[in-house]
Amino acid sequence: MATYGWIGLGNMGGPMTANLVQAGHTVRGFDLDAGAASAAAAHGVQTVGTIAEAVAGADVVFTMLPKGEHVRAVFGGEDGIWATAEKTTLLADSSTVDIETSQHCHDESAARGFRFVDAPVSGGISGAAAGTLAFMVGGEESAVADASALIEPMAGKVIAAGGPTAGIAAKICNNMMLFIDLMAASEGSQLAEQLGLDPKVFWEIVSVSSGHSWAQQTWYPVPGVVDSAAANRNYDATFRTDLAHKDISLALDAGEKTGVRLEAAQLAHRRFEQLIGEGYADKDCTLIVKYTSPDGGAPGWDGTGTAGTESSSETTGDAAPAETRKA
């Protein structure tokens, strides 16, 4: 059995660590949010008050944090991971961050005598709870192999994506595709309604036809069709709009640097910006369906929402919800 240090115990980190505990491993977790820490403790995680306590004696340390700046701070801070972990500890970041931050973590870890992998995930809350997440892992070959064995209790699939930053590169591209698929599900569902199709029947047709996608299967923006859809719960967030905006911004930044034209991604980006500008940063990203309907409303939405603020939570998957708190 292994000892895991874990920084970030939110909607994804909580169930992921619970699966590790259930598999017989020791997990010491840290999160600034007392509610998240308490929930993790209820599932057997040994919650601690500092990063140093979380990483002490760990075989591996995972981080799941909102943005690149938070990852850099947790790793490089005076009492951060690099300053307090043992050199034998394998380091793994499962946050969705920019390529530059991931490369920085690889380079600095190597310079300081650590092994590091980027290991983002796909699969959302349900995948985290079920232990069926897909991990895409980038790094030096032996580090990826060792990380893959430690990841297995949380995963349905572990894919060696390639060298350093390959995992996060795959995650950025994948999430971009997710949000484009969400645009298709939004427009298709609304056009079908206006043409008089029964929503459930149309969804069943698409499910066995060429319009099938993960977004259509899991986030379909019509209430009463898919249990996991935020449309059933007034668009309370499973994947916050501000986090979706962050993720697709990473893709657009990568496109600009590589010369790839991402016009569909730019449209999704504008839709998320519109929601944020109207004060819905904290609502589910599927609320973009309101921009496709003739009356500007959204199926299952009462028209209310709170003014969005910067999220302290992370998204971990192509279908992943708000995640861990800044640590």
C-alpha atoms as a PDB file:
ATOM      1  CA  MET A   1       0.000   0.000   0.000  1.00  0.00           C
ATOM      2  CA  ALA A   2       1.168   3.516  -0.803  1.00  0.00           C
ATOM      3  CA  THR A   3       1.032   6.854   0.985  1.00  0.00           C
ATOM      4  CA  TYR A   4      -0.453   9.717  -1.036  1.00  0.00           C
ATOM      5  CA  GLY A   5      -0.155  13.431  -0.352  1.00  0.00           C
ATOM      6  CA  TRP A   6      -3.057  15.361  -1.872  1.00  0.00           C
ATOM      7  CA  ILE A   7      -3.491  19.110  -2.304  1.00  0.00           C
ATOM      8  CA  GLY A   8      -7.113  19.957  -3.183  1.00  0.00           C
ATOM      9  CA  LEU A   9     -10.107  17.995  -1.877  1.00  0.00           C
ATOM     10  CA  GLY A  10     -13.015  19.474  -3.825  1.00  0.00           C
ATOM     11  CA  ASN A  11     -15.695  17.931  -6.009  1.00  0.00           C
ATOM     12  CA  MET A  12     -13.129  15.873  -7.899  1.00  0.00           C
ATOM     13  CA  GLY A  13     -10.339  15.496  -5.358  1.00  0.00           C
ATOM     14  CA  GLY A  14     -12.749  14.371  -2.653  1.00  0.00           C
ATOM     15  CA  PRO A  15     -14.114  11.282  -4.424  1.00  0.00           C
ATOM     16  CA  MET A  16     -10.748  10.512  -6.011  1.00  0.00           C
ATOM     17  CA  THR A  17      -9.071  10.329  -2.617  1.00  0.00           C
ATOM     18  CA  ALA A  18     -12.004   8.342  -1.240  1.00  0.00           C
ATOM     19  CA  ASN A  19     -11.305   5.683  -3.871  1.00  0.00           C
ATOM     20  CA  LEU A  20      -7.666   5.573  -2.834  1.00  0.00           C
ATOM     21  CA  VAL A  21      -8.649   5.058   0.796  1.00  0.00           C
ATOM     22  CA  GLN A  22     -11.144   2.380  -0.193  1.00  0.00           C
ATOM     23  CA  ALA A  23      -8.353   0.593  -2.051  1.00  0.00           C
ATOM     24  CA  GLY A  24      -6.373   0.473   1.190  1.00  0.00           C
ATOM     25  CA  HIS A  25      -3.967   3.358   0.667  1.00  0.00           C
ATOM     26  CA  THR A  26      -3.123   6.129   3.118  1.00  0.00           C
ATOM     27  CA  VAL A  27      -4.060   9.628   1.971  1.00  0.00           C
ATOM     28  CA  ARG A  28      -3.059  12.838   3.716  1.00  0.00           C
ATOM     29  CA  GLY A  29      -4.951  15.753   2.234  1.00  0.00           C
ATOM     30  CA  PHE A  30      -4.855  19.525   2.469  1.00  0.00           C
ATOM     31  CA  ASP A  31      -7.489  22.044   1.422  1.00  0.00           C
ATOM     32  CA  LEU A  32      -8.084  25.602   2.619  1.00  0.00           C
ATOM     33  CA  ASP A  33     -11.829  25.008   2.432  1.00  0.00           C
ATOM     34  CA  ALA A  34     -12.941  23.515   5.740  1.00  0.00           C
ATOM     35  CA  GLY A  35     -16.057  21.988   4.211  1.00  0.00           C
ATOM     36  CA  ALA A  36     -14.062  20.160   1.561  1.00  0.00           C
ATOM     37  CA  ALA A  37     -11.590  18.905   4.126  1.00  0.00           C
ATOM     38  CA  SER A  38     -14.381  17.718   6.415  1.00  0.00           C
ATOM     39  CA  ALA A  39     -16.106  15.855   3.598  1.00  0.00           C
ATOM     40  CA  ALA A  40     -12.843  14.137   2.646  1.00  0.00           C
ATOM     41  CA  ALA A  41     -12.176  13.201   6.270  1.00  0.00           C
ATOM     42  CA  ALA A  42     -15.566  11.518   6.417  1.00  0.00           C
ATOM     43  CA  HIS A  43     -14.311   9.174   3.691  1.00  0.00           C
ATOM     44  CA  GLY A  44     -11.117   8.287   5.505  1.00  0.00           C
ATOM     45  CA  VAL A  45      -8.677  10.934   4.263  1.00  0.00           C
ATOM     46  CA  GLN A  46      -6.267  12.127   6.939  1.00  0.00           C
ATOM     47  CA  THR A  47      -6.731  15.875   6.593  1.00  0.00           C
ATOM     48  CA  VAL A  48      -3.864  18.114   7.702  1.00  0.00           C
ATOM     49  CA  GLY A  49      -3.276  21.817   8.143  1.00  0.00           C
ATOM     50  CA  THR A  50      -0.258  22.452   5.924  1.00  0.00           C
ATOM     51  CA  ILE A  51       1.244  21.361   2.632  1.00  0.00           C
ATOM     52  CA  ALA A  52       4.315  20.118   4.502  1.00  0.00           C
ATOM     53  CA  GLU A  53       2.187  17.741   6.576  1.00  0.00           C
ATOM     54  CA  ALA A  54       0.435  16.467   3.477  1.00  0.00           C
ATOM     55  CA  VAL A  55       3.634  15.631   1.598  1.00  0.00           C
ATOM     56  CA  ALA A  56       5.738  14.288   4.489  1.00  0.00           C
ATOM     57  CA  GLY A  57       6.782  10.720   3.766  1.00  0.00           C
ATOM     58  CA  ALA A  58       4.477  10.419   0.745  1.00  0.00           C
ATOM     59  CA  ASP A  59       5.238   8.090  -2.129  1.00  0.00           C
ATOM     60  CA  VAL A  60       3.423  10.465  -4.461  1.00  0.00           C
ATOM     61  CA  VAL A  61       1.860  13.928  -4.202  1.00  0.00           C
ATOM     62  CA  PHE A  62      -1.065  14.988  -6.384  1.00  0.00           C
ATOM     63  CA  THR A  63      -2.213  18.563  -6.874  1.00  0.00           C
ATOM     64  CA  MET A  64      -5.613  19.675  -8.237  1.00  0.00           C
ATOM     65  CA  LEU A  65      -5.751  23.455  -8.348  1.00  0.00           C
ATOM     66  CA  PRO A  66      -7.657  26.180 -10.212  1.00  0.00           C
ATOM     67  CA  LYS A  67      -5.032  27.931 -12.336  1.00  0.00           C
ATOM     68  CA  GLY A  68      -1.408  27.895 -13.312  1.00  0.00           C
ATOM     69  CA  GLU A  69      -0.585  30.638 -10.838  1.00  0.00           C
ATOM     70  CA  HIS A  70      -1.938  28.503  -7.995  1.00  0.00           C
ATOM     71  CA  VAL A  71       0.044  25.474  -9.107  1.00  0.00           C
ATOM     72  CA  ARG A  72       3.230  27.535  -9.256  1.00  0.00           C
ATOM     73  CA  ALA A  73       2.571  28.927  -5.780  1.00  0.00           C
ATOM     74  CA  VAL A  74       1.876  25.543  -4.206  1.00  0.00           C
ATOM     75  CA  PHE A  75       4.961  23.982  -5.729  1.00  0.00           C
ATOM     76  CA  GLY A  76       7.329  26.912  -5.382  1.00  0.00           C
ATOM     77  CA  GLY A  77       6.197  28.630  -2.190  1.00  0.00           C
ATOM     78  CA  GLU A  78       8.416  28.959   0.852  1.00  0.00           C
ATOM     79  CA  ASP A  79       6.555  26.092   2.503  1.00  0.00           C
ATOM     80  CA  GLY A  80       5.475  24.504  -0.761  1.00  0.00           C
ATOM     81  CA  ILE A  81       5.952  21.068  -2.228  1.00  0.00           C
ATOM     82  CA  TRP A  82       9.478  21.523  -3.567  1.00  0.00           C
ATOM     83  CA  ALA A  83      10.633  22.956  -0.246  1.00  0.00           C
ATOM     84  CA  THR A  84       9.108  20.277   1.966  1.00  0.00           C
ATOM     85  CA  ALA A  85       8.739  17.000   0.026  1.00  0.00           C
ATOM     86  CA  GLU A  86      11.353  14.255   0.024  1.00  0.00           C
ATOM     87  CA  LYS A  87      13.308  13.873  -3.201  1.00  0.00           C
ATOM     88  CA  THR A  88      12.051  10.295  -3.539  1.00  0.00           C
ATOM     89  CA  THR A  89       8.447  11.498  -3.742  1.00  0.00           C
ATOM     90  CA  LEU A  90       6.895  11.389  -7.199  1.00  0.00           C
ATOM     91  CA  LEU A  91       5.047  14.640  -8.043  1.00  0.00           C
ATOM     92  CA  ALA A  92       1.909  14.718 -10.180  1.00  0.00           C
ATOM     93  CA  ASP A  93      -0.267  17.651 -11.193  1.00  0.00           C
ATOM     94  CA  SER A  94      -3.833  16.896 -12.302  1.00  0.00           C
ATOM     95  CA  SER A  95      -4.863  20.545 -12.663  1.00  0.00           C
ATOM     96  CA  THR A  96      -5.930  22.032 -15.988  1.00  0.00           C
ATOM     97  CA  VAL A  97      -3.263  24.669 -16.584  1.00  0.00           C
ATOM     98  CA  ASP A  98      -1.363  26.345 -19.402  1.00  0.00           C
ATOM     99  CA  ILE A  99       1.431  24.518 -21.177  1.00  0.00           C
ATOM    100  CA  GLU A 100       4.016  26.961 -19.851  1.00  0.00           C
ATOM    101  CA  THR A 101       3.121  26.241 -16.215  1.00  0.00           C
ATOM    102  CA  SER A 102       3.302  22.514 -16.800  1.00  0.00           C
ATOM    103  CA  GLN A 103       6.694  22.854 -18.501  1.00  0.00           C
ATOM    104  CA  HIS A 104       7.865  25.017 -15.602  1.00  0.00           C
ATOM    105  CA  CYS A 105       6.884  22.291 -13.149  1.00  0.00           C
ATOM    106  CA  HIS A 106       8.726  19.658 -15.177  1.00  0.00           C
ATOM    107  CA  ASP A 107      11.852  21.789 -15.498  1.00  0.00           C
ATOM    108  CA  GLU A 108      11.983  23.009 -11.906  1.00  0.00           C
ATOM    109  CA  SER A 109      11.210  19.564 -10.502  1.00  0.00           C
ATOM    110  CA  ALA A 110      14.083  18.070 -12.472  1.00  0.00           C
ATOM    111  CA  ALA A 111      16.409  20.894 -11.439  1.00  0.00           C
ATOM    112  CA  ARG A 112      15.534  20.283  -7.794  1.00  0.00           C
ATOM    113  CA  GLY A 113      15.987  16.510  -8.016  1.00  0.00           C
ATOM    114  CA  PHE A 114      12.316  15.474  -8.258  1.00  0.00           C
ATOM    115  CA  ARG A 115      10.403  13.434 -10.792  1.00  0.00           C
ATOM    116  CA  PHE A 116       7.224  15.083 -12.091  1.00  0.00           C
ATOM    117  CA  VAL A 117       4.340  14.119 -14.368  1.00  0.00           C
ATOM    118  CA  ASP A 118       1.439  16.120 -15.710  1.00  0.00           C
ATOM    119  CA  ALA A 119      -1.631  13.924 -15.197  1.00  0.00           C
ATOM    120  CA  PRO A 120      -4.925  15.688 -15.982  1.00  0.00           C
ATOM    121  CA  VAL A 121      -8.168  13.737 -15.990  1.00  0.00           C
ATOM    122  CA  SER A 122     -11.393  13.364 -17.912  1.00  0.00           C
ATOM    123  CA  GLY A 123     -14.676  11.980 -16.662  1.00  0.00           C
ATOM    124  CA  GLY A 124     -16.272  14.412 -14.235  1.00  0.00           C
ATOM    125  CA  ILE A 125     -17.846  13.911 -10.832  1.00  0.00           C
ATOM    126  CA  SER A 126     -19.433  10.615 -11.781  1.00  0.00           C
ATOM    127  CA  GLY A 127     -16.137   9.253 -13.073  1.00  0.00           C
ATOM    128  CA  ALA A 128     -14.307  10.463  -9.981  1.00  0.00           C
ATOM    129  CA  ALA A 129     -16.822   8.768  -7.702  1.00  0.00           C
ATOM    130  CA  ALA A 130     -16.859   5.544  -9.695  1.00  0.00           C
ATOM    131  CA  GLY A 131     -13.091   5.370 -10.114  1.00  0.00           C
ATOM    132  CA  THR A 132     -13.431   5.395 -13.891  1.00  0.00           C
ATOM    133  CA  LEU A 133     -11.595   8.591 -14.795  1.00  0.00           C
ATOM    134  CA  ALA A 134      -9.357   8.707 -17.837  1.00  0.00           C
ATOM    135  CA  PHE A 135      -5.878   9.969 -16.957  1.00  0.00           C
ATOM    136  CA  MET A 136      -3.588  11.338 -19.658  1.00  0.00           C
ATOM    137  CA  VAL A 137      -0.034  11.335 -18.339  1.00  0.00           C
ATOM    138  CA  GLY A 138       2.989  13.189 -19.656  1.00  0.00           C
ATOM    139  CA  GLY A 139       6.593  12.984 -18.564  1.00  0.00           C
ATOM    140  CA  GLU A 140       9.774  10.933 -18.553  1.00  0.00           C
ATOM    141  CA  GLU A 141       8.982   7.318 -19.395  1.00  0.00           C
ATOM    142  CA  SER A 142       9.835   5.694 -16.057  1.00  0.00           C
ATOM    143  CA  ALA A 143       8.030   8.422 -14.104  1.00  0.00           C
ATOM    144  CA  VAL A 144       4.926   7.947 -16.242  1.00  0.00           C
ATOM    145  CA  ALA A 145       5.060   4.184 -15.630  1.00  0.00           C
ATOM    146  CA  ASP A 146       5.366   4.638 -11.860  1.00  0.00           C
ATOM    147  CA  ALA A 147       2.622   7.266 -11.813  1.00  0.00           C
ATOM    148  CA  SER A 148       0.314   5.030 -13.829  1.00  0.00           C
ATOM    149  CA  ALA A 149       0.491   2.295 -11.187  1.00  0.00           C
ATOM    150  CA  LEU A 150      -0.340   4.814  -8.446  1.00  0.00           C
ATOM    151  CA  ILE A 151      -3.216   6.240 -10.497  1.00  0.00           C
ATOM    152  CA  GLU A 152      -4.949   2.914 -11.149  1.00  0.00           C
ATOM    153  CA  PRO A 153      -7.309   2.916  -8.104  1.00  0.00           C
ATOM    154  CA  MET A 154      -8.858   6.158  -9.409  1.00  0.00           C
ATOM    155  CA  ALA A 155      -8.990   5.325 -13.085  1.00  0.00           C
ATOM    156  CA  GLY A 156     -10.831   3.411 -15.742  1.00  0.00           C
ATOM    157  CA  LYS A 157      -8.071   4.206 -18.205  1.00  0.00           C
ATOM    158  CA  VAL A 158      -4.521   5.481 -17.870  1.00  0.00           C
ATOM    159  CA  ILE A 159      -2.927   6.663 -21.103  1.00  0.00           C
ATOM    160  CA  ALA A 160       0.746   7.521 -21.481  1.00  0.00           C
ATOM    161  CA  ALA A 161       0.361  10.640 -23.610  1.00  0.00           C
ATOM    162  CA  GLY A 162       4.035  11.234 -24.292  1.00  0.00           C
ATOM    163  CA  GLY A 163       6.818  13.367 -22.878  1.00  0.00           C
ATOM    164  CA  PRO A 164       6.600  16.400 -20.581  1.00  0.00           C
ATOM    165  CA  THR A 165       3.357  18.444 -21.035  1.00  0.00           C
ATOM    166  CA  ALA A 166       1.822  15.845 -23.377  1.00  0.00           C
ATOM    167  CA  GLY A 167      -0.902  15.094 -20.844  1.00  0.00           C
ATOM    168  CA  ILE A 168      -1.965  18.693 -20.369  1.00  0.00           C
ATOM    169  CA  ALA A 169      -1.752  19.334 -24.107  1.00  0.00           C
ATOM    170  CA  ALA A 170      -4.174  16.454 -24.675  1.00  0.00           C
ATOM    171  CA  LYS A 171      -6.475  17.774 -21.947  1.00  0.00           C
ATOM    172  CA  ILE A 172      -6.583  21.283 -23.435  1.00  0.00           C
ATOM    173  CA  CYS A 173      -7.443  19.942 -26.882  1.00  0.00           C
ATOM    174  CA  ASN A 174     -10.023  17.563 -25.465  1.00  0.00           C
ATOM    175  CA  ASN A 175     -11.814  20.219 -23.435  1.00  0.00           C
ATOM    176  CA  MET A 176     -11.885  22.519 -26.434  1.00  0.00           C
ATOM    177  CA  MET A 177     -13.656  19.772 -28.375  1.00  0.00           C
ATOM    178  CA  LEU A 178     -16.078  19.277 -25.485  1.00  0.00           C
ATOM    179  CA  PHE A 179     -17.182  22.898 -25.540  1.00  0.00           C
ATOM    180  CA  ILE A 180     -17.617  22.855 -29.306  1.00  0.00           C
ATOM    181  CA  ASP A 181     -19.745  19.728 -28.869  1.00  0.00           C
ATOM    182  CA  LEU A 182     -21.732  21.585 -26.220  1.00  0.00           C
ATOM    183  CA  MET A 183     -22.481  24.313 -28.745  1.00  0.00           C
ATOM    184  CA  ALA A 184     -23.792  21.620 -31.105  1.00  0.00           C
ATOM    185  CA  ALA A 185     -25.957  20.050 -28.395  1.00  0.00           C
ATOM    186  CA  SER A 186     -27.348  23.475 -27.490  1.00  0.00           C
ATOM    187  CA  GLU A 187     -28.226  24.472 -31.041  1.00  0.00           C
ATOM    188  CA  GLY A 188     -29.492  21.026 -32.029  1.00  0.00           C
ATOM    189  CA  SER A 189     -31.729  20.658 -28.995  1.00  0.00           C
ATOM    190  CA  GLN A 190     -33.316  24.060 -29.529  1.00  0.00           C
ATOM    191  CA  LEU A 191     -33.865  23.630 -33.258  1.00  0.00           C
ATOM    192  CA  ALA A 192     -35.431  20.217 -32.622  1.00  0.00           C
ATOM    193  CA  GLU A 193     -37.839  21.777 -30.128  1.00  0.00           C
ATOM    194  CA  GLN A 194     -38.857  24.526 -32.516  1.00  0.00           C
ATOM    195  CA  LEU A 195     -39.493  21.897 -35.191  1.00  0.00           C
ATOM    196  CA  GLY A 196     -41.868  20.078 -32.859  1.00  0.00           C
ATOM    197  CA  LEU A 197     -39.755  17.068 -31.949  1.00  0.00           C
ATOM    198  CA  ASP A 198     -40.182  15.392 -28.585  1.00  0.00           C
ATOM    199  CA  PRO A 199     -36.969  16.197 -26.629  1.00  0.00           C
ATOM    200  CA  LYS A 200     -36.508  12.689 -25.263  1.00  0.00           C
ATOM    201  CA  VAL A 201     -37.191  11.023 -28.576  1.00  0.00           C
ATOM    202  CA  PHE A 202     -34.785  13.349 -30.388  1.00  0.00           C
ATOM    203  CA  TRP A 203     -32.097  12.690 -27.781  1.00  0.00           C
ATOM    204  CA  GLU A 204     -32.544   8.945 -28.265  1.00  0.00           C
ATOM    205  CA  ILE A 205     -32.185   9.372 -32.037  1.00  0.00           C
ATOM    206  CA  VAL A 206     -28.993  11.390 -31.671  1.00  0.00           C
ATOM    207  CA  SER A 207     -27.635   8.851 -29.177  1.00  0.00           C
ATOM    208  CA  VAL A 208     -27.472   6.233 -31.929  1.00  0.00           C
ATOM    209  CA  SER A 209     -26.660   8.634 -34.755  1.00  0.00           C
ATOM    210  CA  SER A 210     -23.815  10.823 -35.935  1.00  0.00           C
ATOM    211  CA  GLY A 211     -24.670  13.698 -33.583  1.00  0.00           C
ATOM    212  CA  HIS A 212     -23.713  11.581 -30.582  1.00  0.00           C
ATOM    213  CA  SER A 213     -21.158  13.153 -28.231  1.00  0.00           C
ATOM    214  CA  TRP A 214     -20.192  13.161 -24.571  1.00  0.00           C
ATOM    215  CA  ALA A 215     -21.796  16.595 -24.107  1.00  0.00           C
ATOM    216  CA  GLN A 216     -25.029  15.352 -25.685  1.00  0.00           C
ATOM    217  CA  GLN A 217     -24.997  12.238 -23.510  1.00  0.00           C
ATOM    218  CA  THR A 218     -24.152  13.902 -20.218  1.00  0.00           C
ATOM    219  CA  TRP A 219     -24.888  17.648 -20.344  1.00  0.00           C
ATOM    220  CA  TYR A 220     -27.896  17.767 -22.668  1.00  0.00           C
ATOM    221  CA  PRO A 221     -29.395  21.229 -21.962  1.00  0.00           C
ATOM    222  CA  VAL A 222     -33.034  20.175 -21.695  1.00  0.00           C
ATOM    223  CA  PRO A 223     -34.585  19.117 -18.375  1.00  0.00           C
ATOM    224  CA  GLY A 224     -35.979  15.631 -17.931  1.00  0.00           C
ATOM    225  CA  VAL A 225     -33.797  13.989 -20.554  1.00  0.00           C
ATOM    226  CA  VAL A 226     -30.426  13.241 -18.913  1.00  0.00           C
ATOM    227  CA  ASP A 227     -30.243  12.913 -15.129  1.00  0.00           C
ATOM    228  CA  SER A 228     -26.733  14.398 -14.940  1.00  0.00           C
ATOM    229  CA  ALA A 229     -27.653  17.566 -16.845  1.00  0.00           C
ATOM    230  CA  ALA A 230     -27.568  20.887 -14.987  1.00  0.00           C
ATOM    231  CA  ALA A 231     -30.790  21.805 -16.819  1.00  0.00           C
ATOM    232  CA  ASN A 232     -32.577  19.627 -14.259  1.00  0.00           C
ATOM    233  CA  ARG A 233     -31.308  21.828 -11.417  1.00  0.00           C
ATOM    234  CA  ASN A 234     -31.734  25.404 -12.666  1.00  0.00           C
ATOM    235  CA  TYR A 235     -28.217  25.262 -14.140  1.00  0.00           C
ATOM    236  CA  ASP A 236     -26.517  25.067 -10.768  1.00  0.00           C
ATOM    237  CA  ALA A 237     -22.948  24.351 -11.730  1.00  0.00           C
ATOM    238  CA  THR A 238     -21.391  21.012 -12.328  1.00  0.00           C
ATOM    239  CA  PHE A 239     -18.869  22.828 -14.542  1.00  0.00           C
ATOM    240  CA  ARG A 240     -18.824  26.549 -13.838  1.00  0.00           C
ATOM    241  CA  THR A 241     -18.918  28.990 -16.709  1.00  0.00           C
ATOM    242  CA  ASP A 242     -15.817  30.844 -15.546  1.00  0.00           C
ATOM    243  CA  LEU A 243     -13.872  27.597 -15.476  1.00  0.00           C
ATOM    244  CA  ALA A 244     -15.088  26.628 -18.927  1.00  0.00           C
ATOM    245  CA  HIS A 245     -13.976  30.067 -20.095  1.00  0.00           C
ATOM    246  CA  LYS A 246     -10.570  29.485 -18.533  1.00  0.00           C
ATOM    247  CA  ASP A 247     -10.139  26.115 -20.205  1.00  0.00           C
ATOM    248  CA  ILE A 248     -11.112  27.217 -23.694  1.00  0.00           C
ATOM    249  CA  SER A 249      -8.922  30.296 -23.285  1.00  0.00           C
ATOM    250  CA  LEU A 250      -5.994  27.922 -22.795  1.00  0.00           C
ATOM    251  CA  ALA A 251      -6.831  26.279 -26.116  1.00  0.00           C
ATOM    252  CA  LEU A 252      -7.122  29.617 -27.917  1.00  0.00           C
ATOM    253  CA  ASP A 253      -3.786  30.722 -26.465  1.00  0.00           C
ATOM    254  CA  ALA A 254      -2.200  27.487 -27.713  1.00  0.00           C
ATOM    255  CA  GLY A 255      -3.809  28.014 -31.117  1.00  0.00           C
ATOM    256  CA  GLU A 256      -2.397  31.517 -31.357  1.00  0.00           C
ATOM    257  CA  LYS A 257       1.087  30.281 -30.513  1.00  0.00           C
ATOM    258  CA  THR A 258       0.956  27.423 -33.003  1.00  0.00           C
ATOM    259  CA  GLY A 259      -0.864  29.199 -35.829  1.00  0.00           C
ATOM    260  CA  VAL A 260      -3.891  26.885 -35.701  1.00  0.00           C
ATOM    261  CA  ARG A 261      -7.158  28.676 -36.532  1.00  0.00           C
ATOM    262  CA  LEU A 262      -9.824  27.778 -33.958  1.00  0.00           C
ATOM    263  CA  GLU A 263     -12.968  29.530 -35.155  1.00  0.00           C
ATOM    264  CA  ALA A 264     -15.469  27.180 -33.507  1.00  0.00           C
ATOM    265  CA  ALA A 265     -13.594  27.470 -30.218  1.00  0.00           C
ATOM    266  CA  GLN A 266     -13.668  31.253 -30.528  1.00  0.00           C
ATOM    267  CA  LEU A 267     -17.464  31.170 -30.773  1.00  0.00           C
ATOM    268  CA  ALA A 268     -17.766  29.042 -27.637  1.00  0.00           C
ATOM    269  CA  HIS A 269     -15.341  31.408 -25.913  1.00  0.00           C
ATOM    270  CA  ARG A 270     -17.545  34.387 -26.793  1.00  0.00           C
ATOM    271  CA  ARG A 271     -20.609  32.627 -25.421  1.00  0.00           C
ATOM    272  CA  PHE A 272     -18.905  31.993 -22.081  1.00  0.00           C
ATOM    273  CA  GLU A 273     -17.752  35.609 -22.009  1.00  0.00           C
ATOM    274  CA  GLN A 274     -21.345  36.700 -22.535  1.00  0.00           C
ATOM    275  CA  LEU A 275     -22.545  34.629 -19.600  1.00  0.00           C
ATOM    276  CA  ILE A 276     -19.825  35.999 -17.361  1.00  0.00           C
ATOM    277  CA  GLY A 277     -20.606  39.546 -18.470  1.00  0.00           C
ATOM    278  CA  GLU A 278     -24.254  39.043 -17.536  1.00  0.00           C
ATOM    279  CA  GLY A 279     -23.294  37.847 -14.045  1.00  0.00           C
ATOM    280  CA  TYR A 280     -23.559  34.090 -14.538  1.00  0.00           C
ATOM    281  CA  ALA A 281     -19.934  33.071 -14.016  1.00  0.00           C
ATOM    282  CA  ASP A 282     -20.980  30.690 -11.258  1.00  0.00           C
ATOM    283  CA  LYS A 283     -23.770  29.019 -13.252  1.00  0.00           C
ATOM    284  CA  ASP A 284     -23.242  25.882 -15.283  1.00  0.00           C
ATOM    285  CA  CYS A 285     -21.559  26.364 -18.642  1.00  0.00           C
ATOM    286  CA  THR A 286     -24.492  24.655 -20.384  1.00  0.00           C
ATOM    287  CA  LEU A 287     -26.496  27.820 -19.752  1.00  0.00           C
ATOM    288  CA  ILE A 288     -25.062  29.009 -23.073  1.00  0.00           C
ATOM    289  CA  VAL A 289     -28.134  27.285 -24.521  1.00  0.00           C
ATOM    290  CA  LYS A 290     -29.999  30.508 -23.796  1.00  0.00           C
ATOM    291  CA  TYR A 291     -28.210  32.206 -26.685  1.00  0.00           C
ATOM    292  CA  THR A 292     -29.761  29.758 -29.143  1.00  0.00           C
ATOM    293  CA  SER A 293     -33.407  29.939 -28.045  1.00  0.00           C
ATOM    294  CA  PRO A 294     -35.786  32.404 -29.740  1.00  0.00           C
ATOM    295  CA  ASP A 295     -36.777  34.087 -26.480  1.00  0.00           C
ATOM    296  CA  GLY A 296     -33.336  34.169 -24.831  1.00  0.00           C
ATOM    297  CA  GLY A 297     -34.386  31.764 -22.111  1.00  0.00           C
ATOM    298  CA  ALA A 298     -33.075  28.306 -21.346  1.00  0.00           C
ATOM    299  CA  PRO A 299     -35.079  25.115 -20.760  1.00  0.00           C
ATOM    300  CA  GLY A 300     -35.300  24.516 -17.019  1.00  0.00           C
ATOM    301  CA  TRP A 301     -33.875  27.899 -16.017  1.00  0.00           C
ATOM    302  CA  ASP A 302     -35.821  30.366 -13.898  1.00  0.00           C
ATOM    303  CA  GLY A 303     -33.792  33.324 -15.182  1.00  0.00           C
ATOM    304  CA  THR A 304     -31.964  33.958 -11.934  1.00  0.00           C
ATOM    305  CA  GLY A 305     -28.347  33.717 -10.893  1.00  0.00           C
ATOM    306  CA  THR A 306     -25.803  35.369  -8.689  1.00  0.00           C
ATOM    307  CA  ALA A 307     -23.095  37.703  -9.870  1.00  0.00           C
ATOM    308  CA  GLY A 308     -20.096  35.541 -10.693  1.00  0.00           C
ATOM    309  CA  THR A 309     -16.799  35.861  -8.920  1.00  0.00           C
ATOM    310  CA  GLU A 310     -13.490  34.255  -9.668  1.00  0.00           C
ATOM    311  CA  SER A 311     -13.831  30.595  -8.872  1.00  0.00           C
ATOM    312  CA  SER A 312     -11.673  29.006  -6.222  1.00  0.00           C
ATOM    313  CA  SER A 313     -12.395  25.652  -7.779  1.00  0.00           C
ATOM    314  CA  GLU A 314     -10.898  23.564 -10.532  1.00  0.00           C
ATOM    315  CA  THR A 315     -12.309  21.591 -13.434  1.00  0.00           C
ATOM    316  CA  THR A 316     -10.759  18.230 -14.094  1.00  0.00           C
ATOM    317  CA  GLY A 317     -12.133  16.763 -17.034  1.00  0.00           C
ATOM    318  CA  ASP A 318     -13.748  17.113 -20.267  1.00  0.00           C
ATOM    319  CA  ALA A 319     -16.752  16.747 -18.216  1.00  0.00           C
ATOM    320  CA  ALA A 320     -15.670  17.820 -14.996  1.00  0.00           C
ATOM    321  CA  PRO A 321     -17.169  20.112 -12.473  1.00  0.00           C
ATOM    322  CA  ALA A 322     -15.827  22.677 -10.137  1.00  0.00           C
ATOM    323  CA  GLU A 323     -12.906  21.189  -8.300  1.00  0.00           C
ATOM    324  CA  THR A 324     -10.432  22.058  -5.640  1.00  0.00           C
ATOM    325  CA  ARG A 325      -9.769  25.158  -3.612  1.00  0.00           C
ATOM    326  CA  LYS A 326      -6.716  27.304  -3.884  1.00  0.00           C
ATOM    327  CA  ALA A 327      -4.144  25.956  -1.469  1.00  0.00           C
END
